[in-house]
Amino acid sequence: MKTRVKICGITNRRDAFLAADLGAFAAGFVFFRKSRRYISPDKAKRIISSLPSSILKVGVFVEDAPDEIMEMKTYCGLDRLQVYDAGEWAAAGYADAVSIIAAHRVSSKEEIEKAKDLPYLPLFDTGIPGTWGGSGRRFDWTMLEGFERPYILAGGITADNVDEAVRIGPYAIDIASGVEGSPGKKDRQKMRTLFERLEARKE
């Protein structure tokens, strides 16, 4: 099966269309103002409206309340919502599990176990105090052994280790810094190399 790739931290049309052209299954737009990959809702809406329907548009949120995020989903035309406090969503009764990706910052096996109690697709990223993804560092992927639900793997994935990441068996992989020239700006050659490695792996 073709490896699903989410390219996160999209801030411009050029990178968004390159991700779509290379076959990414999702593009991530970060709406957390403190992030170096932040994009305004208006700019994201313009990019999203011009992208093909074949690529999922994912909004990444950190501090916003569920009701505010749902409004942003409609305004920008988002297909999925990546949130960091999924427990709040579950408590508020948001049962649309298909639309929600529950992001978990992993620093121990306990954080992985928490994901089993939520109805949403989990995304596992490296847990570093004060950061919310895009650190370029990986956690101990062996902690995911025995996790039987589909999940998205993030954190320090590059063309050099993508084969190892895929072998672990995630539903999809999520990459931001691993294909960047600088935060929020993708490196075209790194992007192409990553997808070439994945394509070669299918043989």
Protein backbone atom coordinates (compact mmCIF):
# COMPACT_ATOMS: atom_id res chain seq x y z
CA MET A 1 0.00 0.00 0.00
CA LYS A 2 1.23 3.48 -0.81
CA THR A 3 2.54 5.28 2.25
CA ARG A 4 0.32 8.17 3.33
CA VAL A 5 2.29 11.37 3.90
CA LYS A 6 1.07 14.50 5.65
CA ILE A 7 3.23 17.55 4.93
CA CYS A 8 2.73 19.92 7.84
CA GLY A 9 3.56 23.56 8.41
CA ILE A 10 2.42 24.77 4.98
CA THR A 11 2.61 28.58 4.75
CA ASN A 12 2.51 29.27 0.99
CA ARG A 13 0.88 28.11 -2.25
CA ARG A 14 4.15 26.90 -3.78
CA ASP A 15 4.75 24.35 -1.03
CA ALA A 16 1.10 23.35 -0.88
CA PHE A 17 0.95 22.55 -4.58
CA LEU A 18 4.27 20.73 -4.51
CA ALA A 19 2.94 18.51 -1.70
CA ALA A 20 -0.17 17.79 -3.73
CA ASP A 21 1.79 17.13 -6.93
CA LEU A 22 4.12 14.69 -5.17
CA GLY A 23 1.16 12.72 -3.83
CA ALA A 24 0.83 13.80 -0.19
CA PHE A 25 -2.45 12.64 1.28
CA ALA A 26 -2.72 15.68 3.57
CA ALA A 27 -1.39 19.21 4.03
CA GLY A 28 -1.20 20.72 7.50
CA PHE A 29 -1.81 24.40 8.31
CA VAL A 30 -0.70 25.61 11.74
CA PHE A 31 -3.01 28.16 13.39
CA PHE A 32 -0.99 28.44 16.61
CA ARG A 33 0.31 32.03 16.70
CA LYS A 34 3.45 31.17 18.65
CA SER A 35 4.58 28.69 16.01
CA ARG A 36 7.27 29.60 13.49
CA ARG A 37 4.97 27.94 10.94
CA TYR A 38 1.89 29.98 11.77
CA ILE A 39 -0.44 30.90 8.91
CA SER A 40 -3.33 33.34 9.15
CA PRO A 41 -6.85 32.00 8.54
CA ASP A 42 -7.32 34.32 5.55
CA LYS A 43 -4.12 33.16 3.87
CA ALA A 44 -4.86 29.52 4.62
CA LYS A 45 -8.35 29.88 3.18
CA ARG A 46 -6.95 31.24 -0.09
CA ILE A 47 -4.50 28.36 -0.43
CA ILE A 48 -7.00 25.70 0.58
CA SER A 49 -9.64 26.90 -1.86
CA SER A 50 -7.23 26.37 -4.75
CA LEU A 51 -5.96 22.92 -3.78
CA PRO A 52 -7.34 19.75 -5.38
CA SER A 53 -9.88 17.70 -3.44
CA SER A 54 -7.49 14.73 -3.50
CA ILE A 55 -5.41 16.19 -0.66
CA LEU A 56 -6.88 16.55 2.83
CA LYS A 57 -6.57 19.97 4.44
CA VAL A 58 -5.71 19.71 8.14
CA GLY A 59 -5.83 22.58 10.61
CA VAL A 60 -3.43 22.35 13.58
CA PHE A 61 -4.67 23.99 16.79
CA VAL A 62 -3.15 24.28 20.25
CA GLU A 63 -4.96 26.73 22.53
CA ASP A 64 -8.31 27.46 20.85
CA ALA A 65 -11.60 26.26 22.30
CA PRO A 66 -13.55 23.59 20.38
CA ASP A 67 -16.31 25.98 19.29
CA GLU A 68 -13.76 28.46 17.90
CA ILE A 69 -11.96 25.68 16.06
CA MET A 70 -15.19 24.44 14.50
CA GLU A 71 -15.84 27.94 13.19
CA MET A 72 -12.33 28.00 11.70
CA LYS A 73 -12.97 24.63 10.09
CA THR A 74 -15.93 26.03 8.21
CA TYR A 75 -14.29 29.35 7.34
CA CYS A 76 -11.07 27.87 5.95
CA GLY A 77 -12.58 24.75 4.37
CA LEU A 78 -10.66 22.29 6.52
CA ASP A 79 -11.23 18.55 6.23
CA ARG A 80 -9.57 17.52 9.51
CA LEU A 81 -8.69 19.14 12.83
CA GLN A 82 -5.46 18.29 14.67
CA VAL A 83 -5.84 19.20 18.36
CA TYR A 84 -3.66 18.83 21.43
CA ASP A 85 -6.32 18.57 24.12
CA ALA A 86 -8.50 15.83 22.72
CA GLY A 87 -9.80 14.98 26.17
CA GLU A 88 -11.58 18.34 26.19
CA TRP A 89 -13.19 17.49 22.86
CA ALA A 90 -14.39 14.13 24.11
CA ALA A 91 -15.78 15.71 27.30
CA ALA A 92 -17.61 18.33 25.23
CA GLY A 93 -19.31 15.57 23.25
CA TYR A 94 -17.69 16.03 19.86
CA ALA A 95 -18.36 12.60 18.44
CA ASP A 96 -17.25 13.29 14.86
CA ALA A 97 -14.21 11.11 15.28
CA VAL A 98 -13.45 11.13 11.55
CA SER A 99 -12.70 14.86 11.57
CA ILE A 100 -10.40 14.92 14.62
CA ILE A 101 -6.75 13.96 14.94
CA ALA A 102 -5.63 13.78 18.57
CA ALA A 103 -2.02 14.93 18.87
CA HIS A 104 0.05 13.44 21.69
CA ARG A 105 3.49 14.69 22.74
CA VAL A 106 5.31 11.49 23.67
CA SER A 107 7.92 11.44 26.38
CA SER A 108 6.89 8.14 27.95
CA LYS A 109 4.82 5.03 27.29
CA GLU A 110 2.05 6.49 29.46
CA GLU A 111 1.23 9.14 26.87
CA ILE A 112 0.76 6.45 24.25
CA GLU A 113 -1.55 4.52 26.56
CA LYS A 114 -3.76 7.62 27.00
CA ALA A 115 -4.54 7.55 23.29
CA LYS A 116 -6.35 4.25 23.66
CA ASP A 117 -9.14 5.89 25.67
CA LEU A 118 -10.04 8.50 23.04
CA PRO A 119 -12.24 7.94 19.97
CA TYR A 120 -9.97 9.94 17.66
CA LEU A 121 -7.11 9.03 15.33
CA PRO A 122 -3.94 9.58 17.39
CA LEU A 123 -0.86 11.39 16.16
CA PHE A 124 2.33 10.70 18.13
CA ASP A 125 5.00 13.39 18.13
CA THR A 126 8.10 14.01 20.23
CA GLY A 127 7.32 15.49 23.63
CA ILE A 128 9.62 18.41 24.36
CA PRO A 129 8.63 21.00 27.00
CA GLY A 130 7.57 24.27 25.42
CA THR A 131 7.21 22.88 21.89
CA TRP A 132 4.16 21.79 19.93
CA GLY A 133 5.57 19.78 17.05
CA GLY A 134 8.10 20.63 14.39
CA SER A 135 11.10 20.09 16.66
CA GLY A 136 12.94 17.87 14.20
CA ARG A 137 13.62 15.38 16.97
CA ARG A 138 12.30 11.85 17.23
CA PHE A 139 11.15 9.87 20.23
CA ASP A 140 11.74 6.18 20.87
CA TRP A 141 9.53 4.67 18.19
CA THR A 142 9.83 1.22 19.73
CA MET A 143 7.37 2.41 22.40
CA LEU A 144 4.66 2.04 19.75
CA GLU A 145 5.14 -1.71 19.49
CA GLY A 146 1.86 -3.41 20.32
CA PHE A 147 -0.27 -0.33 19.71
CA GLU A 148 -3.03 -1.93 17.68
CA ARG A 149 -5.03 1.09 16.50
CA PRO A 150 -4.18 3.12 13.39
CA TYR A 151 -2.02 6.16 14.18
CA ILE A 152 0.03 8.90 12.56
CA LEU A 153 3.75 9.00 13.32
CA ALA A 154 5.54 12.35 13.57
CA GLY A 155 8.75 13.71 15.01
CA GLY A 156 12.12 13.86 13.28
CA ILE A 157 11.18 11.96 10.12
CA THR A 158 13.43 12.68 7.13
CA ALA A 159 14.32 11.00 3.84
CA ASP A 160 17.19 9.30 5.67
CA ASN A 161 15.01 7.49 8.21
CA VAL A 162 11.64 7.34 6.47
CA ASP A 163 12.07 3.66 5.66
CA GLU A 164 12.48 2.89 9.36
CA ALA A 165 9.42 5.01 10.16
CA VAL A 166 7.25 3.19 7.63
CA ARG A 167 8.40 -0.25 8.85
CA ILE A 168 6.90 0.48 12.26
CA GLY A 169 3.50 0.36 10.58
CA PRO A 170 1.78 3.74 11.03
CA TYR A 171 -1.41 4.63 9.18
CA ALA A 172 0.46 7.73 7.95
CA ILE A 173 3.61 9.72 8.59
CA ASP A 174 3.69 13.46 9.34
CA ILE A 175 6.65 15.60 8.30
CA ALA A 176 7.38 19.30 8.82
CA SER A 177 11.00 20.18 9.61
CA GLY A 178 12.34 17.10 7.82
CA VAL A 179 11.58 18.65 4.42
CA GLU A 180 12.27 22.30 5.25
CA GLY A 181 14.95 24.75 4.27
CA SER A 182 13.82 27.01 7.13
CA PRO A 183 10.76 26.95 9.40
CA GLY A 184 7.65 27.31 7.25
CA LYS A 185 9.56 27.10 3.97
CA LYS A 186 9.86 23.71 2.31
CA ASP A 187 12.97 22.61 0.46
CA ARG A 188 11.87 21.30 -2.94
CA GLN A 189 14.74 18.84 -3.25
CA LYS A 190 14.16 17.42 0.25
CA MET A 191 10.49 16.99 -0.60
CA ARG A 192 11.24 15.21 -3.86
CA THR A 193 13.89 12.99 -2.28
CA LEU A 194 11.50 11.91 0.45
CA PHE A 195 8.79 10.86 -1.99
CA GLU A 196 11.35 9.19 -4.27
CA ARG A 197 12.54 7.08 -1.34
CA LEU A 198 8.99 6.07 -0.55
CA GLU A 199 8.29 5.25 -4.19
CA ALA A 200 11.43 3.10 -4.39
CA ARG A 201 10.36 1.29 -1.23
CA LYS A 202 7.24 -0.02 -3.01
CA GLU A 203 9.33 -2.02 -5.48
